[in-house]
Amino acid sequence: MVCKPGVIKIPLADFKHEHISFTYPDSMVSFQLYDEPKLATYRKDCNGHVFLLDEMNDLIKNYGVPSNEKCNAEERFKYEKYIEVQVWDDEIINEYKTRPNR
């Protein structure tokens, strides 16, 4: 059986604030940058931390929006491809999965 990934786009406004958190960049990279001495060159104060939605405007104001273009253009942004969201309740995802015309 071949598993085909799908895409479900859910507006942030549809999530309960207590059901989502964020890492900058993605969680695996963020915590490696925080912990690994050999990656200290790329480390930022935001690495190794989890943020709530109401903290995101300040985070982006301080560090910008990560992107492939940015990480390919300058070495210091090498690991900053995106911001990861963690969803802590699957109710909203299940709701969107069953909606027609998603």
Protein backbone atom coordinates (compact mmCIF):
# COMPACT_ATOMS: atom_id res chain seq x y z
CA MET A 1 0.00 0.00 0.00
CA VAL A 2 1.32 3.43 -0.96
CA CYS A 3 0.59 6.24 1.43
CA LYS A 4 0.00 9.56 -0.27
CA PRO A 5 0.45 12.62 1.90
CA GLY A 6 -2.24 15.24 1.77
CA VAL A 7 -2.57 18.88 2.66
CA ILE A 8 -5.09 20.42 4.99
CA LYS A 9 -4.92 24.19 5.43
CA ILE A 10 -6.38 25.43 8.69
CA PRO A 11 -6.42 29.14 9.56
CA LEU A 12 -4.67 29.92 12.84
CA ALA A 13 -7.85 31.64 14.00
CA ASP A 14 -9.62 28.26 14.00
CA PHE A 15 -7.27 26.79 16.60
CA LYS A 16 -7.73 27.26 20.31
CA HIS A 17 -4.63 29.12 21.47
CA GLU A 18 -3.95 26.54 24.17
CA HIS A 19 -3.80 23.78 21.55
CA ILE A 20 -0.85 25.09 19.51
CA SER A 21 2.76 26.01 20.09
CA PHE A 22 5.68 26.92 17.83
CA THR A 23 9.42 26.45 17.48
CA TYR A 24 11.81 28.59 15.45
CA PRO A 25 12.97 26.97 13.24
CA ASP A 26 11.52 23.44 13.36
CA SER A 27 11.75 21.66 16.71
CA MET A 28 14.47 19.15 15.81
CA VAL A 29 16.79 21.84 14.46
CA SER A 30 15.93 24.35 17.17
CA PHE A 31 16.88 21.99 19.97
CA GLN A 32 20.02 20.78 18.16
CA LEU A 33 21.16 24.38 17.71
CA TYR A 34 20.51 24.95 21.41
CA ASP A 35 22.38 21.82 22.58
CA GLU A 36 25.20 21.18 20.13
CA PRO A 37 28.43 23.14 20.73
CA LYS A 38 29.53 22.61 17.11
CA LEU A 39 26.41 24.51 15.94
CA ALA A 40 26.98 27.53 18.18
CA THR A 41 27.70 29.70 15.11
CA TYR A 42 24.06 29.36 14.06
CA ARG A 43 22.49 29.58 17.54
CA LYS A 44 19.97 32.29 18.40
CA ASP A 45 18.33 33.05 21.73
CA CYS A 46 15.05 31.61 20.42
CA ASN A 47 16.54 28.14 19.82
CA GLY A 48 15.56 25.44 22.27
CA HIS A 49 12.35 27.21 23.29
CA VAL A 50 8.68 26.65 22.60
CA PHE A 51 6.52 29.70 21.89
CA LEU A 52 2.82 30.43 22.15
CA LEU A 53 0.76 32.18 19.50
CA ASP A 54 0.75 35.51 21.32
CA GLU A 55 4.57 35.49 21.26
CA MET A 56 4.89 34.96 17.51
CA ASN A 57 4.69 38.62 16.40
CA ASP A 58 7.64 39.54 18.62
CA LEU A 59 9.57 36.44 17.55
CA ILE A 60 9.15 37.28 13.86
CA LYS A 61 9.91 40.94 14.52
CA ASN A 62 13.20 39.92 16.18
CA TYR A 63 14.30 37.12 13.85
CA GLY A 64 12.32 37.55 10.63
CA VAL A 65 10.40 34.94 8.70
CA PRO A 66 12.54 31.92 7.83
CA SER A 67 12.56 30.73 4.21
CA ASN A 68 14.46 28.53 1.78
CA GLU A 69 15.62 31.60 -0.10
CA LYS A 70 16.99 33.19 3.07
CA CYS A 71 18.78 30.02 4.23
CA ASN A 72 20.31 29.48 0.78
CA ALA A 73 21.42 33.11 0.47
CA GLU A 74 23.40 33.46 3.72
CA GLU A 75 25.32 30.86 5.69
CA ARG A 76 24.14 32.23 9.07
CA PHE A 77 20.53 31.35 8.12
CA LYS A 78 21.48 27.84 6.95
CA TYR A 79 19.00 26.03 9.22
CA GLU A 80 16.14 28.52 9.20
CA LYS A 81 13.71 27.10 6.66
CA TYR A 82 10.39 27.44 8.48
CA ILE A 83 8.56 27.83 11.76
CA GLU A 84 7.06 24.60 13.05
CA VAL A 85 3.66 24.45 14.71
CA GLN A 86 2.80 21.74 17.20
CA VAL A 87 -0.89 20.86 17.44
CA TRP A 88 -1.80 19.41 20.82
CA ASP A 89 -5.40 18.42 20.08
CA ASP A 90 -6.53 16.63 16.94
CA GLU A 91 -10.18 17.74 17.13
CA ILE A 92 -9.76 20.63 14.68
CA ILE A 93 -7.73 18.47 12.29
CA ASN A 94 -10.39 15.75 12.31
CA GLU A 95 -13.04 18.40 11.68
CA TYR A 96 -11.18 19.69 8.61
CA LYS A 97 -10.45 16.18 7.34
CA THR A 98 -14.17 15.46 7.12
CA ARG A 99 -15.18 18.74 5.48
CA PRO A 100 -16.13 18.53 1.81
CA ASN A 101 -14.15 20.67 -0.67
CA ARG A 102 -11.16 21.20 1.58
